[in-house]
Amino acid sequence: MRAELIELTATSDVPVLTDGTITLRAHQTDDVDRIVGYATDSLTMRWAKMPSPYGRSDAERFIINALQGWRNGTSMIWAIEHDGQFAGSIDLRGPGRIVDIGFGLHPDARGEGLVRRAMVLAMQYAVDNRDVEVVRWEAAEGNLTSLRAAHAAGFTLVGRLPDWLEMNSGVVDAWCGKWHAGESFEPKTVWHATTFETERFRLRPLEAKDDERIRETLDDPISRKYLFGRPDPLTVEHAAAERTRKWWTAARGETCTWAVADKETDHYLADISLFKIDPVVGAEIGFYTHPEARGAGVLGEAFPASVRHSFDVLGLRRLTMFAADSNEGSKRLALRAGFNEFGTQPLAASSAGKIEDLLGYELLAEEGDQ
């Protein structure tokens, strides 16, 4: 195995690509230890289908297969080099005009935008030299790092595919996207994922650590009264699915969600979301609160701040909000935040099985400044 590895490394004809910050090159014997390092990292093991346990022989076999893929035309697999050392791998698999992209980074190379750089180099090479027309991206649902990379590299985020990928944990749902030759490498959508603070609270994107608190919120009787259509019993897996759905729709530019967290402990207290974001119509805003946060003025402080942030930072021009007629708390909050009631949809809300009127509220950016 070792002799074959050395021979393939020495004789392979892998194009070397660089953008001045990273270099894509053939894998080498010196990469073996760092390949093992990223293959056995907990994040890689969670989101990639990898042999377990993974050792040097597996890394050597990976290098051999990568180099053979170049020889037989079935794949294009590069090592990513940064600051003079192996940082990860990127691959384009498939012999035709449609290829699938995959990547992985060593833990000490993450967070610097290297994957996007590698994707741009690899995809441009494939278009220019292999007549590739479409690059497909797939990731297990919940793989936020991969979603960020695909979004940043200009992939169109197409949809969610149930029971689509086989991972170490079993069969899982997938996110998918595509990039077509000739398109730019800039994001196709605006992903609103801001963080800001009020006097007592931090409003930030949802995180996996919030799942149990989200479950408690959605499963609470008061929440269930107005948030109908929820599973019963509602599990932490359902809460995680709610979180990952909001990540996906935020990446597609359709929504923006903030967890309202205690500024000192970062403990989840509430959830404020913008839905149906549109440059003309604006967005609809909604919220729910964890049971222990009710009566403490959490939304009284955080909701008006999120409204101002939506206008002043996100650049929205109009917000709407809807509340069931019996939901006195939401109606008071809308009016205190400056919203104006604009109409009633008769018998358009279901509250604990009771059909009742749905009230509409709206606020324009210039009114919010008053």
Protein backbone atom coordinates (compact mmCIF):
# COMPACT_ATOMS: atom_id res chain seq x y z
CA MET A 1 0.00 0.00 0.00
CA ARG A 2 2.73 2.48 0.94
CA ALA A 3 4.75 1.87 -2.26
CA GLU A 4 1.66 2.25 -4.45
CA LEU A 5 0.75 5.46 -2.65
CA ILE A 6 4.19 6.96 -3.25
CA GLU A 7 4.11 5.98 -6.92
CA LEU A 8 0.68 7.45 -7.57
CA THR A 9 1.61 10.65 -5.79
CA ALA A 10 4.77 11.02 -7.82
CA THR A 11 3.24 10.29 -11.24
CA SER A 12 -0.24 11.80 -10.98
CA ASP A 13 -1.19 14.63 -13.28
CA VAL A 14 -3.39 16.80 -11.06
CA PRO A 15 -3.75 20.47 -12.10
CA VAL A 16 -2.49 22.94 -9.52
CA LEU A 17 -4.81 25.91 -8.98
CA THR A 18 -4.36 28.95 -6.75
CA ASP A 19 -6.03 32.25 -5.99
CA GLY A 20 -3.08 33.57 -4.01
CA THR A 21 -4.52 32.51 -0.66
CA ILE A 22 -5.15 28.80 -1.13
CA THR A 23 -3.73 26.22 -3.52
CA LEU A 24 -5.52 23.15 -4.88
CA ARG A 25 -3.06 20.35 -5.60
CA ALA A 26 -2.66 16.58 -5.56
CA HIS A 27 -2.79 14.80 -2.21
CA GLN A 28 0.61 13.70 -0.89
CA THR A 29 1.94 11.22 1.63
CA ASP A 30 2.69 14.13 3.96
CA ASP A 31 -1.06 14.83 4.15
CA VAL A 32 -1.95 11.50 5.75
CA ASP A 33 -1.80 12.58 9.39
CA ARG A 34 -3.89 15.69 8.80
CA ILE A 35 -6.41 13.74 6.71
CA VAL A 36 -6.82 11.44 9.71
CA GLY A 37 -7.13 14.57 11.87
CA TYR A 38 -10.12 15.98 10.00
CA ALA A 39 -11.70 12.60 9.26
CA THR A 40 -11.84 11.76 12.98
CA ASP A 41 -13.00 15.22 14.07
CA SER A 42 -16.44 15.15 15.67
CA LEU A 43 -17.90 17.64 13.19
CA THR A 44 -16.72 15.59 10.20
CA MET A 45 -17.95 12.35 11.73
CA ARG A 46 -21.36 13.91 12.30
CA TRP A 47 -21.91 15.29 8.82
CA ALA A 48 -19.93 13.00 6.51
CA LYS A 49 -20.11 9.30 5.76
CA MET A 50 -16.74 8.10 7.02
CA PRO A 51 -15.26 4.74 8.05
CA SER A 52 -15.12 4.36 11.81
CA PRO A 53 -12.59 3.93 13.25
CA TYR A 54 -10.53 5.90 10.72
CA GLY A 55 -6.75 5.42 10.56
CA ARG A 56 -3.72 5.97 8.37
CA SER A 57 -4.60 3.10 6.04
CA ASP A 58 -7.97 4.74 5.35
CA ALA A 59 -6.27 8.05 4.55
CA GLU A 60 -3.81 6.31 2.23
CA ARG A 61 -6.67 4.53 0.47
CA PHE A 62 -8.45 7.87 0.08
CA ILE A 63 -5.38 9.38 -1.60
CA ILE A 64 -5.04 6.42 -3.97
CA ASN A 65 -8.70 6.64 -4.97
CA ALA A 66 -8.44 10.42 -5.41
CA LEU A 67 -5.51 10.08 -7.78
CA GLN A 68 -7.11 7.22 -9.69
CA GLY A 69 -10.22 9.37 -10.16
CA TRP A 70 -8.12 11.85 -12.10
CA ARG A 71 -6.67 9.06 -14.23
CA ASN A 72 -9.97 7.45 -15.18
CA GLY A 73 -11.97 10.69 -15.42
CA THR A 74 -14.57 9.81 -12.79
CA SER A 75 -13.71 12.53 -10.27
CA MET A 76 -11.59 15.61 -9.61
CA ILE A 77 -10.30 15.59 -6.04
CA TRP A 78 -7.81 18.13 -4.74
CA ALA A 79 -6.04 18.77 -1.48
CA ILE A 80 -6.57 22.30 -0.19
CA GLU A 81 -3.32 23.90 0.96
CA HIS A 82 -3.21 27.06 3.07
CA ASP A 83 -0.20 28.68 4.74
CA GLY A 84 2.00 25.84 3.54
CA GLN A 85 0.04 22.96 5.02
CA PHE A 86 -2.83 20.64 4.15
CA ALA A 87 -6.13 22.28 5.14
CA GLY A 88 -8.70 19.90 3.67
CA SER A 89 -10.06 18.32 0.50
CA ILE A 90 -12.54 19.26 -2.19
CA ASP A 91 -13.99 16.99 -4.84
CA LEU A 92 -16.14 17.10 -7.95
CA ARG A 93 -17.52 13.65 -8.71
CA GLY A 94 -18.99 12.41 -11.96
CA PRO A 95 -17.67 12.04 -15.53
CA GLY A 96 -20.30 14.09 -17.36
CA ARG A 97 -21.71 17.59 -17.61
CA ILE A 98 -23.32 17.34 -14.18
CA VAL A 99 -21.03 16.78 -11.17
CA ASP A 100 -21.51 16.64 -7.40
CA ILE A 101 -19.36 18.70 -5.07
CA GLY A 102 -18.08 17.74 -1.63
CA PHE A 103 -15.53 19.14 0.80
CA GLY A 104 -14.04 18.83 4.25
CA LEU A 105 -11.69 20.99 6.30
CA HIS A 106 -9.25 20.26 9.09
CA PRO A 107 -10.54 21.81 12.36
CA ASP A 108 -7.73 24.38 12.52
CA ALA A 109 -8.58 25.66 9.02
CA ARG A 110 -12.25 26.42 9.61
CA GLY A 111 -13.82 29.83 9.85
CA GLU A 112 -11.57 31.57 7.30
CA GLY A 113 -13.66 31.20 4.14
CA LEU A 114 -11.32 28.62 2.61
CA VAL A 115 -14.09 26.32 1.38
CA ARG A 116 -15.68 29.04 -0.74
CA ARG A 117 -12.31 29.83 -2.31
CA ALA A 118 -11.76 26.15 -3.06
CA MET A 119 -15.25 25.79 -4.54
CA VAL A 120 -14.71 28.73 -6.89
CA LEU A 121 -11.36 27.41 -8.12
CA ALA A 122 -12.61 23.87 -8.60
CA MET A 123 -15.89 24.78 -10.31
CA GLN A 124 -14.25 27.29 -12.68
CA TYR A 125 -11.66 24.68 -13.65
CA ALA A 126 -14.39 22.10 -14.31
CA VAL A 127 -16.30 24.51 -16.55
CA ASP A 128 -13.22 25.62 -18.49
CA ASN A 129 -11.55 22.22 -18.88
CA ARG A 130 -14.17 19.47 -18.48
CA ASP A 131 -17.23 21.08 -20.11
CA VAL A 132 -19.15 20.84 -16.84
CA GLU A 133 -22.48 22.67 -16.98
CA VAL A 134 -24.05 22.02 -13.58
CA VAL A 135 -22.55 21.48 -10.13
CA ARG A 136 -24.87 19.94 -7.55
CA TRP A 137 -24.53 20.39 -3.79
CA GLU A 138 -26.14 18.21 -1.15
CA ALA A 139 -25.75 18.20 2.62
CA ALA A 140 -27.52 16.53 5.51
CA GLU A 141 -30.27 18.77 6.83
CA GLY A 142 -28.82 20.75 9.73
CA ASN A 143 -25.27 21.01 8.34
CA LEU A 144 -25.10 24.76 8.77
CA THR A 145 -21.39 24.99 7.84
CA SER A 146 -22.00 23.37 4.46
CA LEU A 147 -25.08 25.52 3.86
CA ARG A 148 -23.09 28.67 4.54
CA ALA A 149 -20.38 27.61 2.07
CA ALA A 150 -22.87 26.76 -0.69
CA HIS A 151 -24.74 30.03 -0.16
CA ALA A 152 -21.53 32.05 -0.21
CA ALA A 153 -20.35 30.37 -3.45
CA GLY A 154 -23.47 31.31 -5.38
CA PHE A 155 -25.46 28.08 -5.34
CA THR A 156 -29.20 28.32 -5.89
CA LEU A 157 -30.74 26.65 -2.84
CA VAL A 158 -33.30 24.41 -4.47
CA GLY A 159 -35.06 22.48 -1.74
CA ARG A 160 -35.25 19.80 0.90
CA LEU A 161 -35.14 16.09 0.01
CA PRO A 162 -36.61 13.64 2.56
CA ASP A 163 -34.70 10.39 3.22
CA TRP A 164 -32.03 11.33 0.68
CA LEU A 165 -28.58 10.68 2.17
CA GLU A 166 -27.02 7.77 3.99
CA MET A 167 -24.85 8.99 6.84
CA ASN A 168 -23.11 7.27 9.74
CA SER A 169 -26.26 7.83 11.77
CA GLY A 170 -28.52 6.30 9.10
CA VAL A 171 -30.72 7.69 6.33
CA VAL A 172 -31.31 11.44 6.71
CA ASP A 173 -33.06 14.30 4.96
CA ALA A 174 -30.95 16.58 2.76
CA TRP A 175 -30.67 20.14 1.58
CA CYS A 176 -29.78 20.53 -2.09
CA GLY A 177 -28.65 23.27 -4.43
CA LYS A 178 -27.17 23.81 -7.88
CA TRP A 179 -24.80 26.13 -9.69
CA HIS A 180 -24.85 26.54 -13.48
CA ALA A 181 -21.88 27.42 -15.66
CA GLY A 182 -21.81 31.14 -16.39
CA GLU A 183 -23.47 32.15 -13.13
CA SER A 184 -21.60 34.34 -10.67
CA PHE A 185 -20.04 33.04 -7.49
CA GLU A 186 -21.93 35.60 -5.40
CA PRO A 187 -24.86 34.69 -3.11
CA LYS A 188 -28.19 34.42 -4.89
CA THR A 189 -30.14 35.56 -1.84
CA VAL A 190 -29.73 37.86 1.16
CA TRP A 191 -29.30 35.74 4.29
CA HIS A 192 -30.37 37.84 7.26
CA ALA A 193 -28.59 36.44 10.33
CA THR A 194 -27.85 39.47 12.47
CA THR A 195 -27.13 39.82 16.18
CA PHE A 196 -27.94 42.89 18.27
CA GLU A 197 -28.67 43.76 21.89
CA THR A 198 -31.19 45.63 23.99
CA GLU A 199 -30.72 46.66 27.61
CA ARG A 200 -31.35 43.14 28.95
CA PHE A 201 -31.37 40.82 25.95
CA ARG A 202 -29.32 39.58 23.04
CA LEU A 203 -31.18 38.84 19.80
CA ARG A 204 -29.22 36.29 17.77
CA PRO A 205 -29.76 33.42 15.30
CA LEU A 206 -31.12 30.16 16.68
CA GLU A 207 -28.58 27.58 17.85
CA ALA A 208 -28.74 23.84 18.47
CA LYS A 209 -28.44 24.46 22.22
CA ASP A 210 -31.87 26.15 22.09
CA ASP A 211 -33.73 23.00 21.01
CA GLU A 212 -35.02 21.88 24.38
CA ARG A 213 -36.19 25.39 25.23
CA ILE A 214 -37.88 25.64 21.82
CA ARG A 215 -39.63 22.33 22.55
CA GLU A 216 -40.86 23.62 25.91
CA THR A 217 -42.13 26.78 24.25
CA LEU A 218 -44.00 25.09 21.41
CA ASP A 219 -45.45 22.42 23.69
CA ASP A 220 -46.80 24.90 26.23
CA PRO A 221 -50.64 25.04 26.37
CA ILE A 222 -50.76 28.79 25.66
CA SER A 223 -48.50 28.38 22.63
CA ARG A 224 -50.55 25.43 21.42
CA LYS A 225 -53.71 27.52 21.60
CA TYR A 226 -52.47 29.84 18.85
CA LEU A 227 -49.74 27.77 17.12
CA PHE A 228 -51.98 25.01 15.85
CA GLY A 229 -50.87 22.07 13.74
CA ARG A 230 -47.98 21.08 16.03
CA PRO A 231 -47.17 17.40 16.71
CA ASP A 232 -48.45 15.92 19.95
CA PRO A 233 -46.38 14.86 21.76
CA LEU A 234 -43.85 17.42 20.60
CA THR A 235 -40.27 16.11 20.92
CA VAL A 236 -36.88 17.77 20.91
CA GLU A 237 -36.43 16.31 17.41
CA HIS A 238 -39.47 18.32 16.30
CA ALA A 239 -37.91 21.42 17.84
CA ALA A 240 -34.63 20.76 16.02
CA ALA A 241 -36.56 20.40 12.75
CA GLU A 242 -38.20 23.78 13.45
CA ARG A 243 -34.76 25.34 13.96
CA THR A 244 -33.19 23.81 10.84
CA ARG A 245 -36.23 24.79 8.75
CA LYS A 246 -35.69 28.39 9.83
CA TRP A 247 -31.99 28.17 8.97
CA TRP A 248 -32.90 26.97 5.48
CA THR A 249 -35.59 29.57 4.79
CA ALA A 250 -33.28 32.31 6.14
CA ALA A 251 -30.54 31.20 3.73
CA ARG A 252 -33.06 31.36 0.88
CA GLY A 253 -33.85 34.97 1.85
CA GLU A 254 -37.42 34.17 2.85
CA THR A 255 -37.26 34.58 6.63
CA CYS A 256 -35.19 35.92 9.50
CA THR A 257 -35.43 34.56 13.04
CA TRP A 258 -33.91 35.81 16.26
CA ALA A 259 -33.71 33.94 19.52
CA VAL A 260 -34.26 36.41 22.34
CA ALA A 261 -31.66 35.37 24.91
CA ASP A 262 -30.64 36.64 28.31
CA LYS A 263 -27.63 38.90 27.79
CA GLU A 264 -25.71 37.38 30.69
CA THR A 265 -26.50 33.65 30.34
CA ASP A 266 -27.47 33.48 26.63
CA HIS A 267 -30.49 31.45 27.79
CA TYR A 268 -33.28 31.24 25.16
CA LEU A 269 -36.39 33.15 26.25
CA ALA A 270 -38.38 33.85 23.09
CA ASP A 271 -38.36 33.71 19.31
CA ILE A 272 -39.10 36.56 16.88
CA SER A 273 -39.38 35.85 13.16
CA LEU A 274 -39.85 37.73 9.92
CA PHE A 275 -41.73 35.74 7.25
CA LYS A 276 -42.36 36.18 3.52
CA ILE A 277 -39.62 38.78 3.17
CA ASP A 278 -40.18 40.78 -0.01
CA PRO A 279 -38.53 44.02 -1.21
CA VAL A 280 -41.91 45.57 -2.03
CA VAL A 281 -44.40 44.05 0.39
CA GLY A 282 -41.97 43.94 3.33
CA ALA A 283 -42.42 41.06 5.78
CA GLU A 284 -44.79 39.56 8.31
CA ILE A 285 -43.53 39.47 11.89
CA GLY A 286 -44.45 36.93 14.55
CA PHE A 287 -43.22 35.59 17.88
CA TYR A 288 -43.64 33.14 20.72
CA THR A 289 -42.37 33.14 24.29
CA HIS A 290 -41.01 30.50 26.64
CA PRO A 291 -43.45 29.97 29.56
CA GLU A 292 -40.99 31.14 32.22
CA ALA A 293 -40.35 34.39 30.33
CA ARG A 294 -43.97 35.50 30.25
CA GLY A 295 -44.81 38.48 32.43
CA ALA A 296 -41.17 39.59 32.59
CA GLY A 297 -41.38 42.14 29.80
CA VAL A 298 -39.21 40.13 27.44
CA LEU A 299 -41.16 40.84 24.26
CA GLY A 300 -42.12 44.28 25.55
CA GLU A 301 -38.44 45.17 25.26
CA ALA A 302 -37.28 42.89 22.44
CA PHE A 303 -40.19 43.20 20.00
CA PRO A 304 -39.98 46.99 19.37
CA ALA A 305 -36.20 46.62 19.06
CA SER A 306 -36.63 43.93 16.40
CA VAL A 307 -39.06 46.18 14.53
CA ARG A 308 -36.56 49.06 14.50
CA HIS A 309 -33.77 46.67 13.45
CA SER A 310 -35.91 45.37 10.57
CA PHE A 311 -36.32 48.91 9.26
CA ASP A 312 -32.96 50.48 10.08
CA VAL A 313 -30.56 47.56 9.49
CA LEU A 314 -32.35 45.08 7.25
CA GLY A 315 -33.85 47.84 5.14
CA LEU A 316 -37.44 46.64 5.11
CA ARG A 317 -40.09 49.24 4.30
CA ARG A 318 -43.21 47.61 5.76
CA LEU A 319 -44.15 45.08 8.44
CA THR A 320 -47.44 43.30 8.99
CA MET A 321 -48.62 41.26 11.96
CA PHE A 322 -51.67 39.11 12.59
CA ALA A 323 -53.35 38.06 15.83
CA ALA A 324 -56.39 36.01 16.72
CA ASP A 325 -59.11 38.20 18.23
CA SER A 326 -58.79 36.45 21.60
CA ASN A 327 -55.02 36.93 21.75
CA GLU A 328 -55.03 40.07 23.87
CA GLY A 329 -51.30 39.93 24.61
CA SER A 330 -50.31 39.99 20.93
CA LYS A 331 -52.81 42.73 20.13
CA ARG A 332 -51.46 44.94 22.95
CA LEU A 333 -47.87 44.29 21.85
CA ALA A 334 -48.64 45.30 18.26
CA LEU A 335 -50.21 48.59 19.33
CA ARG A 336 -47.42 49.38 21.82
CA ALA A 337 -44.87 48.87 19.03
CA GLY A 338 -46.69 51.43 16.90
CA PHE A 339 -48.59 49.12 14.55
CA ASN A 340 -51.95 50.20 13.17
CA GLU A 341 -54.91 47.87 12.82
CA PHE A 342 -55.85 47.71 9.15
CA GLY A 343 -58.51 45.04 8.86
CA THR A 344 -60.19 41.88 10.01
CA GLN A 345 -60.40 38.52 8.29
CA PRO A 346 -63.64 36.99 9.59
CA LEU A 347 -63.31 33.49 11.05
CA ALA A 348 -59.77 33.06 9.71
CA ALA A 349 -58.05 31.93 12.93
CA SER A 350 -58.23 28.72 14.92
CA SER A 351 -57.55 29.05 18.65
CA ALA A 352 -57.65 25.79 20.59
CA GLY A 353 -60.14 24.48 18.07
CA LYS A 354 -62.32 27.60 18.16
CA ILE A 355 -62.71 29.48 14.88
CA GLU A 356 -62.50 33.24 15.35
CA ASP A 357 -61.59 36.46 13.57
CA LEU A 358 -58.01 37.30 12.60
CA LEU A 359 -56.90 40.92 13.04
CA GLY A 360 -54.27 42.52 10.83
CA TYR A 361 -51.74 45.19 11.85
CA GLU A 362 -49.19 47.09 9.79
CA LEU A 363 -46.35 49.57 10.23
CA LEU A 364 -44.34 51.48 7.62
CA ALA A 365 -40.69 52.33 8.09
CA GLU A 366 -41.35 56.08 8.13
CA GLU A 367 -44.03 55.61 10.77
CA GLY A 368 -41.64 53.59 12.91
CA ASP A 369 -39.24 56.53 12.94
CA GLN A 370 -41.82 58.84 14.46
